Amino acid sequence: MADFKWHPNEPPPSIEEHSKAKLDVLRSYLRAYFDRLSINPSRDQFKLDLIDGFAGGGTFLAGDEIVSGTPLIMLEESEAAIDRLNQSRTKTLHFDFKYYFVDIEAAHTNHLRKVLDERGYQVDSERIVVHNSRFEDVVDDIIAEIRRRQPRAGRSLFLLDQCGFSQVEISLIARIFSELPAAEIILTFAADALTNFLAETPEFVRMVTPLELTEQRISDLIQLRNGDGGRALVQRILRGHIRNATKATYDTPFFIRPRQSRRALWFLHLSRHPTARDVMIQCHWNNYNKFEHYGPGGFDMLGWDALNSETLPLFHFEELDAEAMRRQLLNSMPNELFSLASEEPVTIDTMRHMFANRTAARFSDLDSVVLELFREREIEILRPDGTVRSRALRRVTPTDRIAFPQQLLLPGTSRRR
């Protein structure tokens, strides 16, 4: 949050367009996240810890209006969920939230404390803790407290809105996932800046030490950036590196391009749970007017930039893009499924997992394409006991299995006229 400065005796800083986009996504995701909880009517208690590692001062100016920053959004959306989710339930859902707001600048945390106090929140209580510290200096204590509150899984959401690309150590994120299996992390990452600054100098090597990029990997990325693959290939490799190094199973990047600097940011959601991934990808579609991705709508699209390429289409997450994505998936899915299931059947759940990080499709989109291929007799869908489903099947289950008819020689041939 180094781009903004807060002081308890001064008005908050004016918000910028890219920051407002990040706030909109965070609010949208929290709302969708909480709504997903209401699916299970038997649940009667829910614990969640929310952590803002670069919290800032809590508010911004938008013209003459004061708008909520990330700490207030976390508080507002969780409180709104308590009322909203209990309206239609016969069994009351009891929420137990705890919030940790961290910032290295004393002026920021002082402003935040003032903002919270003005809104009636009790700081440094059992519910809200404000740390004037570096995030990495208090994260172990935060993890320990989450494990004390939630010994089994540690359900938590970490927002790490760093400035740049090297303030958050990759190993720290991996440790969070190791200690808290149900954690989710939203990481801001200046992908464009890193791609621009790639250099084989001792200074740059030291700068990216937190990212665990070796000198050889840096050299390889520079060659790729200057070659045919260009920036798009560099950023695709960086995305894979972050996912692998953090031990995240799923990663969903929003691509934010500030008009002022034109340097793109990733608003990167990392998790180990397919439901969390699907909720976040839905936020792409809900916020279609704020984000863009380059590439086709099928596979290998999310999370890389091709600003300088005239050969790749712009994907806007609008209705026309959804239809184009469906057509492209229908054409490409048979070969992908054949590689996955030609030797033995795979479950719908496995298919979703294998394709999740490669496409803008929601799981419902993938399931719909699989059903259409089944109706066209390109694939078989089997029950868990191995019997074939009816061609009139309208919905698949995670345990249904995808198989290929023995007489099918080449995938996709029945659709080609």
Protein backbone atom coordinates (compact mmCIF):
# COMPACT_ATOMS: atom_id res chain seq x y z
CA MET A 1 0.00 0.00 0.00
CA ALA A 2 3.03 2.30 -0.35
CA ASP A 3 1.26 4.21 -3.14
CA PHE A 4 -1.07 5.75 -0.53
CA LYS A 5 -0.39 7.68 2.68
CA TRP A 6 -2.70 8.06 5.67
CA HIS A 7 -2.40 10.26 8.74
CA PRO A 8 -4.90 10.31 11.62
CA ASN A 9 -5.21 14.12 11.49
CA GLU A 10 -5.62 14.38 7.71
CA PRO A 11 -8.23 13.30 5.14
CA PRO A 12 -7.61 9.89 3.54
CA PRO A 13 -5.91 9.70 0.14
CA SER A 14 -7.91 9.82 -3.08
CA ILE A 15 -8.66 6.42 -4.52
CA GLU A 16 -7.35 5.45 -7.96
CA GLU A 17 -9.22 3.49 -10.58
CA HIS A 18 -7.21 0.29 -10.24
CA SER A 19 -7.57 0.36 -6.44
CA LYS A 20 -11.32 0.77 -6.75
CA ALA A 21 -11.39 -2.25 -9.06
CA LYS A 22 -9.55 -4.32 -6.44
CA LEU A 23 -11.98 -3.19 -3.74
CA ASP A 24 -14.96 -4.10 -5.94
CA VAL A 25 -13.58 -7.60 -6.53
CA LEU A 26 -12.86 -8.15 -2.85
CA ARG A 27 -16.39 -7.08 -1.89
CA SER A 28 -17.88 -9.21 -4.66
CA TYR A 29 -15.84 -12.25 -3.65
CA LEU A 30 -16.66 -11.96 0.06
CA ARG A 31 -20.37 -11.67 -0.74
CA ALA A 32 -20.27 -14.71 -3.02
CA TYR A 33 -18.10 -16.61 -0.52
CA PHE A 34 -20.58 -16.06 2.30
CA ASP A 35 -23.58 -16.87 0.09
CA ARG A 36 -22.02 -20.23 -0.78
CA LEU A 37 -22.12 -21.07 2.94
CA SER A 38 -25.90 -21.10 2.98
CA ILE A 39 -26.02 -24.16 0.70
CA ASN A 40 -25.72 -26.56 3.62
CA PRO A 41 -28.88 -26.11 5.75
CA SER A 42 -27.55 -28.38 8.52
CA ARG A 43 -24.61 -26.10 9.33
CA ASP A 44 -25.22 -24.17 12.53
CA GLN A 45 -21.82 -22.56 13.16
CA PHE A 46 -19.16 -21.01 10.99
CA LYS A 47 -15.74 -19.71 12.00
CA LEU A 48 -13.58 -17.56 9.75
CA ASP A 49 -10.44 -15.50 10.28
CA LEU A 50 -9.85 -12.55 7.91
CA ILE A 51 -6.36 -11.10 7.60
CA ASP A 52 -5.31 -7.92 5.80
CA GLY A 53 -1.51 -7.93 5.65
CA PHE A 54 -1.15 -4.45 4.09
CA ALA A 55 -4.23 -2.82 5.57
CA GLY A 56 -3.54 0.88 5.07
CA GLY A 57 -5.69 3.44 6.85
CA GLY A 58 -9.13 1.99 6.22
CA THR A 59 -10.76 4.63 4.00
CA PHE A 60 -10.29 6.55 0.73
CA LEU A 61 -11.66 9.70 -0.83
CA ALA A 62 -13.72 9.33 -4.01
CA GLY A 63 -14.43 12.92 -4.92
CA ASP A 64 -16.16 14.32 -1.83
CA GLU A 65 -17.24 10.88 -0.59
CA ILE A 66 -15.46 8.69 1.96
CA VAL A 67 -15.33 5.07 0.74
CA SER A 68 -14.37 1.92 2.61
CA GLY A 69 -10.94 0.38 2.26
CA THR A 70 -10.20 -3.31 2.62
CA PRO A 71 -10.49 -3.57 6.44
CA LEU A 72 -13.94 -1.96 6.44
CA ILE A 73 -15.06 -4.07 3.47
CA MET A 74 -14.15 -7.22 5.41
CA LEU A 75 -16.16 -6.01 8.40
CA GLU A 76 -19.12 -4.74 6.38
CA GLU A 77 -19.55 -7.81 4.20
CA SER A 78 -19.21 -10.31 7.05
CA GLU A 79 -21.75 -8.39 9.15
CA ALA A 80 -24.15 -8.12 6.20
CA ALA A 81 -23.83 -11.88 5.65
CA ILE A 82 -24.98 -12.64 9.19
CA ASP A 83 -28.36 -11.02 8.52
CA ARG A 84 -28.68 -12.04 4.86
CA LEU A 85 -27.93 -15.73 5.30
CA ASN A 86 -30.22 -16.20 8.27
CA GLN A 87 -33.29 -14.65 6.64
CA SER A 88 -34.39 -17.83 4.87
CA ARG A 89 -32.98 -20.43 7.26
CA THR A 90 -35.01 -22.39 9.78
CA LYS A 91 -31.81 -23.23 11.66
CA THR A 92 -29.83 -20.15 12.72
CA LEU A 93 -26.27 -19.97 11.40
CA HIS A 94 -23.96 -18.57 14.08
CA PHE A 95 -20.87 -16.76 12.83
CA ASP A 96 -17.58 -16.39 14.68
CA PHE A 97 -15.32 -13.92 12.85
CA LYS A 98 -11.92 -12.62 13.87
CA TYR A 99 -10.04 -9.87 12.02
CA TYR A 100 -6.32 -9.06 11.88
CA PHE A 101 -5.28 -5.77 10.27
CA VAL A 102 -1.53 -5.27 9.75
CA ASP A 103 0.46 -2.31 8.40
CA ILE A 104 4.10 -1.32 8.86
CA GLU A 105 3.35 2.44 8.97
CA ALA A 106 2.27 3.77 12.38
CA ALA A 107 0.40 6.68 10.76
CA HIS A 108 -1.63 4.15 8.76
CA THR A 109 -2.61 2.03 11.74
CA ASN A 110 -3.39 5.15 13.78
CA HIS A 111 -5.72 6.36 11.02
CA LEU A 112 -7.27 2.89 10.85
CA ARG A 113 -7.85 2.80 14.61
CA LYS A 114 -9.52 6.20 14.41
CA VAL A 115 -11.76 5.06 11.53
CA LEU A 116 -12.75 1.88 13.35
CA ASP A 117 -13.47 3.76 16.57
CA GLU A 118 -15.66 6.28 14.73
CA ARG A 119 -17.74 3.40 13.38
CA GLY A 120 -18.17 1.78 16.77
CA TYR A 121 -15.70 -1.09 16.41
CA GLN A 122 -13.71 -2.10 19.48
CA VAL A 123 -10.06 -2.53 18.50
CA ASP A 124 -7.64 -4.95 20.16
CA SER A 125 -10.50 -7.05 21.44
CA GLU A 126 -11.09 -10.75 20.94
CA ARG A 127 -12.58 -9.87 17.56
CA ILE A 128 -10.45 -7.12 15.98
CA VAL A 129 -6.67 -6.86 16.26
CA VAL A 130 -4.55 -4.10 14.65
CA HIS A 131 -0.79 -4.70 14.31
CA ASN A 132 1.67 -1.90 13.55
CA SER A 133 4.29 -4.24 12.11
CA ARG A 134 5.58 -5.94 9.02
CA PHE A 135 3.27 -8.74 8.01
CA GLU A 136 6.07 -11.31 8.00
CA ASP A 137 6.91 -10.41 11.63
CA VAL A 138 3.44 -11.25 12.94
CA VAL A 139 2.23 -13.95 10.56
CA ASP A 140 3.43 -16.81 12.78
CA ASP A 141 1.45 -15.43 15.72
CA ILE A 142 -1.60 -15.01 13.49
CA ILE A 143 -1.31 -18.58 12.21
CA ALA A 144 -0.97 -19.87 15.78
CA GLU A 145 -4.11 -17.98 16.85
CA ILE A 146 -6.07 -19.29 13.86
CA ARG A 147 -5.01 -22.84 14.70
CA ARG A 148 -6.05 -22.32 18.31
CA ARG A 149 -9.49 -21.14 17.17
CA GLN A 150 -9.84 -23.68 14.36
CA PRO A 151 -7.66 -26.75 15.06
CA ARG A 152 -8.97 -28.83 12.16
CA ALA A 153 -8.68 -26.73 8.99
CA GLY A 154 -8.01 -23.10 9.81
CA ARG A 155 -10.57 -21.53 7.49
CA SER A 156 -9.12 -18.10 6.69
CA LEU A 157 -8.78 -15.46 4.00
CA PHE A 158 -5.50 -13.55 3.66
CA LEU A 159 -5.41 -10.35 1.61
CA LEU A 160 -1.82 -9.43 0.71
CA ASP A 161 -2.11 -6.23 -1.32
CA GLN A 162 1.60 -5.60 -1.68
CA CYS A 163 3.15 -2.77 -3.66
CA GLY A 164 5.23 -4.32 -6.43
CA PHE A 165 6.16 -7.97 -6.63
CA SER A 166 8.67 -8.82 -3.90
CA GLN A 167 7.24 -7.70 -0.55
CA VAL A 168 5.63 -11.08 0.12
CA GLU A 169 7.87 -14.12 0.31
CA ILE A 170 6.69 -17.12 -1.69
CA SER A 171 7.83 -19.42 1.12
CA LEU A 172 5.59 -17.52 3.54
CA ILE A 173 2.53 -18.28 1.41
CA ALA A 174 3.55 -21.93 1.19
CA ARG A 175 3.83 -21.99 4.99
CA ILE A 176 0.33 -20.56 5.37
CA PHE A 177 -1.09 -23.32 3.16
CA SER A 178 0.92 -25.95 5.04
CA GLU A 179 -0.31 -24.79 8.44
CA LEU A 180 -3.86 -23.84 7.41
CA PRO A 181 -5.24 -26.28 4.79
CA ALA A 182 -8.47 -24.30 4.30
CA ALA A 183 -6.75 -20.93 3.84
CA GLU A 184 -7.25 -18.75 0.78
CA ILE A 185 -4.89 -15.99 -0.28
CA ILE A 186 -5.48 -12.98 -2.51
CA LEU A 187 -2.13 -11.59 -3.66
CA THR A 188 -1.51 -8.41 -5.62
CA PHE A 189 1.40 -8.97 -8.00
CA ALA A 190 2.91 -6.40 -10.37
CA ALA A 191 3.39 -8.81 -13.25
CA ASP A 192 4.06 -6.10 -15.83
CA ALA A 193 6.73 -4.42 -13.73
CA LEU A 194 8.57 -7.68 -13.08
CA THR A 195 8.53 -8.52 -16.78
CA ASN A 196 9.89 -5.06 -17.63
CA PHE A 197 12.65 -5.09 -15.02
CA LEU A 198 14.02 -8.57 -15.68
CA ALA A 199 17.81 -8.28 -15.62
CA GLU A 200 20.80 -10.48 -14.86
CA THR A 201 22.25 -8.02 -12.38
CA PRO A 202 23.13 -8.73 -8.73
CA GLU A 203 20.68 -6.02 -7.67
CA PHE A 204 17.76 -7.62 -9.49
CA VAL A 205 18.69 -11.11 -8.28
CA ARG A 206 18.61 -9.83 -4.70
CA MET A 207 15.33 -8.01 -5.36
CA VAL A 208 13.54 -11.18 -6.42
CA THR A 209 14.97 -13.43 -3.72
CA PRO A 210 11.51 -13.58 -2.03
CA LEU A 211 10.13 -15.02 -5.30
CA GLU A 212 12.66 -17.88 -5.35
CA LEU A 213 13.72 -17.07 -8.90
CA THR A 214 17.16 -18.51 -9.63
CA GLU A 215 19.71 -16.74 -11.81
CA GLN A 216 19.20 -19.41 -14.46
CA ARG A 217 15.42 -18.93 -14.39
CA ILE A 218 15.86 -15.16 -14.71
CA SER A 219 18.15 -15.67 -17.71
CA ASP A 220 15.60 -18.01 -19.31
CA LEU A 221 12.79 -15.51 -18.77
CA ILE A 222 14.78 -12.70 -20.37
CA GLN A 223 15.39 -14.84 -23.46
CA LEU A 224 11.68 -15.66 -23.64
CA ARG A 225 10.68 -12.03 -23.23
CA ASN A 226 12.93 -11.01 -26.11
CA GLY A 227 11.90 -13.92 -28.34
CA ASP A 228 8.78 -15.02 -30.17
CA GLY A 229 6.88 -15.89 -27.03
CA GLY A 230 7.36 -12.41 -25.65
CA ARG A 231 5.73 -11.05 -22.54
CA ALA A 232 2.79 -13.42 -22.68
CA LEU A 233 4.97 -16.50 -22.31
CA VAL A 234 7.04 -14.92 -19.52
CA GLN A 235 3.95 -14.12 -17.51
CA ARG A 236 2.42 -17.52 -18.09
CA ILE A 237 5.59 -19.13 -16.72
CA LEU A 238 5.62 -16.73 -13.77
CA ARG A 239 2.07 -17.65 -12.94
CA GLY A 240 2.95 -21.34 -12.95
CA HIS A 241 6.02 -20.64 -10.84
CA ILE A 242 3.95 -18.84 -8.19
CA ARG A 243 1.34 -21.60 -8.08
CA ASN A 244 3.95 -24.34 -7.75
CA ALA A 245 6.18 -22.53 -5.25
CA THR A 246 3.27 -21.56 -2.99
CA LYS A 247 1.85 -25.12 -3.14
CA ALA A 248 -1.52 -23.72 -4.22
CA THR A 249 -3.76 -26.10 -6.16
CA TYR A 250 -5.80 -23.41 -7.89
CA ASP A 251 -4.92 -19.90 -8.98
CA THR A 252 -7.26 -17.38 -10.53
CA PRO A 253 -5.74 -14.07 -11.67
CA PHE A 254 -7.68 -10.91 -12.39
CA PHE A 255 -5.78 -8.68 -14.78
CA ILE A 256 -6.03 -5.00 -13.81
CA ARG A 257 -4.54 -2.35 -16.07
CA PRO A 258 -4.39 1.15 -14.51
CA ARG A 259 -4.92 3.83 -17.14
CA GLN A 260 -2.35 6.10 -15.52
CA SER A 261 0.65 3.79 -15.64
CA ARG A 262 -0.57 1.12 -18.10
CA ARG A 263 1.35 -1.39 -16.00
CA ALA A 264 -0.80 -4.40 -15.40
CA LEU A 265 -1.39 -5.97 -12.00
CA TRP A 266 -2.49 -9.45 -11.08
CA PHE A 267 -5.13 -9.71 -8.38
CA LEU A 268 -4.29 -13.36 -7.83
CA HIS A 269 -6.50 -15.74 -5.84
CA LEU A 270 -4.69 -18.82 -4.51
CA SER A 271 -6.41 -21.75 -2.84
CA ARG A 272 -6.45 -25.51 -2.43
CA HIS A 273 -10.20 -25.95 -2.78
CA PRO A 274 -12.22 -26.24 -5.99
CA THR A 275 -15.23 -24.43 -4.52
CA ALA A 276 -13.09 -21.40 -3.68
CA ARG A 277 -11.74 -21.38 -7.23
CA ASP A 278 -15.22 -21.56 -8.73
CA VAL A 279 -16.54 -18.73 -6.56
CA MET A 280 -13.65 -16.52 -7.66
CA ILE A 281 -13.97 -17.32 -11.36
CA GLN A 282 -17.65 -16.37 -11.09
CA CYS A 283 -16.46 -12.98 -9.83
CA HIS A 284 -14.65 -12.55 -13.17
CA TRP A 285 -17.99 -12.80 -14.92
CA ASN A 286 -19.80 -10.62 -12.37
CA ASN A 287 -17.19 -7.86 -12.77
CA TYR A 288 -16.76 -8.14 -16.54
CA ASN A 289 -16.51 -4.39 -17.09
CA LYS A 290 -13.41 -4.01 -14.90
CA PHE A 291 -11.03 -6.71 -16.10
CA GLU A 292 -9.55 -8.11 -19.25
CA HIS A 293 -7.57 -11.12 -20.35
CA TYR A 294 -5.89 -11.88 -23.63
CA GLY A 295 -6.17 -15.11 -25.53
CA PRO A 296 -8.87 -17.52 -26.72
CA GLY A 297 -11.79 -18.42 -24.53
CA GLY A 298 -10.90 -22.10 -24.34
CA PHE A 299 -7.77 -23.44 -22.68
CA ASP A 300 -4.55 -21.63 -21.69
CA MET A 301 -6.09 -18.17 -21.49
CA LEU A 302 -6.11 -16.87 -17.93
CA GLY A 303 -3.46 -14.72 -16.39
CA TRP A 304 -1.07 -13.51 -19.01
CA ASP A 305 -0.71 -10.33 -20.97
CA ALA A 306 -0.21 -9.79 -24.68
CA LEU A 307 -0.53 -6.04 -24.87
CA ASN A 308 1.97 -5.83 -27.70
CA SER A 309 0.52 -8.69 -29.71
CA GLU A 310 -1.92 -8.06 -32.54
CA THR A 311 -2.71 -11.75 -32.98
CA LEU A 312 -4.52 -12.53 -29.71
CA PRO A 313 -8.14 -11.57 -29.02
CA LEU A 314 -9.28 -9.63 -25.97
CA PHE A 315 -11.52 -11.60 -23.60
CA HIS A 316 -13.97 -9.40 -21.65
CA PHE A 317 -16.12 -11.94 -19.73
CA GLU A 318 -19.30 -10.77 -21.44
CA GLU A 319 -22.16 -12.71 -23.04
CA LEU A 320 -20.51 -12.90 -26.47
CA ASP A 321 -17.31 -14.13 -24.84
CA ALA A 322 -19.28 -16.83 -23.02
CA GLU A 323 -20.71 -18.12 -26.29
CA ALA A 324 -17.32 -17.99 -28.02
CA MET A 325 -15.76 -19.82 -25.06
CA ARG A 326 -18.39 -22.54 -25.30
CA ARG A 327 -17.75 -23.07 -29.02
CA GLN A 328 -13.99 -23.21 -28.47
CA LEU A 329 -14.36 -25.66 -25.60
CA LEU A 330 -16.60 -27.90 -27.70
CA ASN A 331 -13.87 -28.01 -30.34
CA SER A 332 -10.92 -28.47 -27.99
CA MET A 333 -12.44 -30.53 -25.18
CA PRO A 334 -12.55 -33.89 -27.04
CA ASN A 335 -8.77 -33.97 -27.49
CA GLU A 336 -8.21 -32.80 -23.93
CA LEU A 337 -10.55 -35.46 -22.57
CA PHE A 338 -8.99 -38.12 -24.76
CA SER A 339 -5.58 -37.35 -23.27
CA LEU A 340 -7.11 -37.56 -19.83
CA ALA A 341 -9.49 -40.52 -20.10
CA SER A 342 -8.50 -42.65 -23.11
CA GLU A 343 -6.92 -45.41 -20.99
CA GLU A 344 -9.34 -45.44 -18.06
CA PRO A 345 -12.36 -43.40 -17.02
CA VAL A 346 -11.89 -40.26 -14.92
CA THR A 347 -14.41 -38.60 -12.64
CA ILE A 348 -16.08 -35.29 -13.36
CA ASP A 349 -14.29 -34.01 -10.27
CA THR A 350 -10.90 -34.98 -11.73
CA MET A 351 -11.77 -33.33 -15.05
CA ARG A 352 -12.66 -30.08 -13.27
CA HIS A 353 -9.42 -30.15 -11.29
CA MET A 354 -7.23 -30.80 -14.34
CA PHE A 355 -8.80 -28.01 -16.41
CA ALA A 356 -9.49 -25.41 -13.70
CA ASN A 357 -6.29 -23.37 -14.01
CA ARG A 358 -6.37 -23.30 -17.81
CA THR A 359 -9.69 -21.70 -18.64
CA ALA A 360 -12.15 -18.95 -17.77
CA ALA A 361 -14.90 -21.57 -17.65
CA ARG A 362 -16.81 -22.14 -14.46
CA PHE A 363 -17.31 -25.74 -13.41
CA SER A 364 -20.89 -25.46 -14.61
CA ASP A 365 -19.55 -24.41 -18.06
CA LEU A 366 -17.22 -27.42 -18.19
CA ASP A 367 -20.02 -29.75 -17.09
CA SER A 368 -22.32 -28.34 -19.77
CA VAL A 369 -19.76 -28.99 -22.52
CA VAL A 370 -19.18 -32.53 -21.25
CA LEU A 371 -22.94 -33.16 -21.35
CA GLU A 372 -23.19 -31.92 -24.93
CA LEU A 373 -20.32 -34.18 -26.01
CA PHE A 374 -22.09 -37.05 -24.27
CA ARG A 375 -25.33 -36.37 -26.13
CA GLU A 376 -23.38 -36.27 -29.40
CA ARG A 377 -21.91 -39.68 -28.46
CA GLU A 378 -18.33 -38.44 -28.44
CA ILE A 379 -17.91 -39.65 -24.87
CA GLU A 380 -19.68 -41.86 -22.37
CA ILE A 381 -20.72 -40.78 -18.88
CA LEU A 382 -20.78 -43.62 -16.40
CA ARG A 383 -22.28 -43.96 -12.96
CA PRO A 384 -19.82 -44.79 -10.16
CA ASP A 385 -20.79 -48.48 -10.58
CA GLY A 386 -19.75 -48.38 -14.27
CA THR A 387 -23.19 -48.41 -15.92
CA VAL A 388 -23.81 -45.88 -18.69
CA ARG A 389 -25.97 -42.86 -17.99
CA SER A 390 -29.05 -42.12 -20.10
CA ARG A 391 -28.53 -39.76 -23.05
CA ALA A 392 -31.32 -37.65 -21.52
CA LEU A 393 -29.04 -36.85 -18.57
CA ARG A 394 -29.39 -33.19 -17.59
CA ARG A 395 -26.79 -32.84 -14.84
CA VAL A 396 -23.58 -34.64 -13.95
CA THR A 397 -22.31 -35.33 -10.44
CA PRO A 398 -18.68 -35.09 -9.27
CA THR A 399 -18.49 -38.89 -8.98
CA ASP A 400 -19.78 -39.58 -12.51
CA ARG A 401 -17.02 -40.85 -14.77
CA ILE A 402 -16.00 -39.87 -18.29
CA ALA A 403 -15.05 -42.67 -20.69
CA PHE A 404 -14.54 -43.06 -24.43
CA PRO A 405 -16.53 -45.42 -26.66
CA GLN A 406 -14.33 -48.29 -27.80
CA GLN A 407 -15.23 -47.75 -31.45
CA LEU A 408 -14.14 -44.09 -31.42
CA LEU A 409 -10.85 -43.86 -33.31
CA LEU A 410 -10.27 -40.12 -33.15
CA PRO A 411 -11.77 -37.67 -30.65
CA GLY A 412 -13.93 -34.95 -32.15
CA THR A 413 -14.63 -36.76 -35.42
CA SER A 414 -18.38 -37.07 -34.85
CA ARG A 415 -18.70 -33.30 -34.65
CA ARG A 416 -16.82 -32.61 -37.87
CA ARG A 417 -18.97 -32.28 -40.95
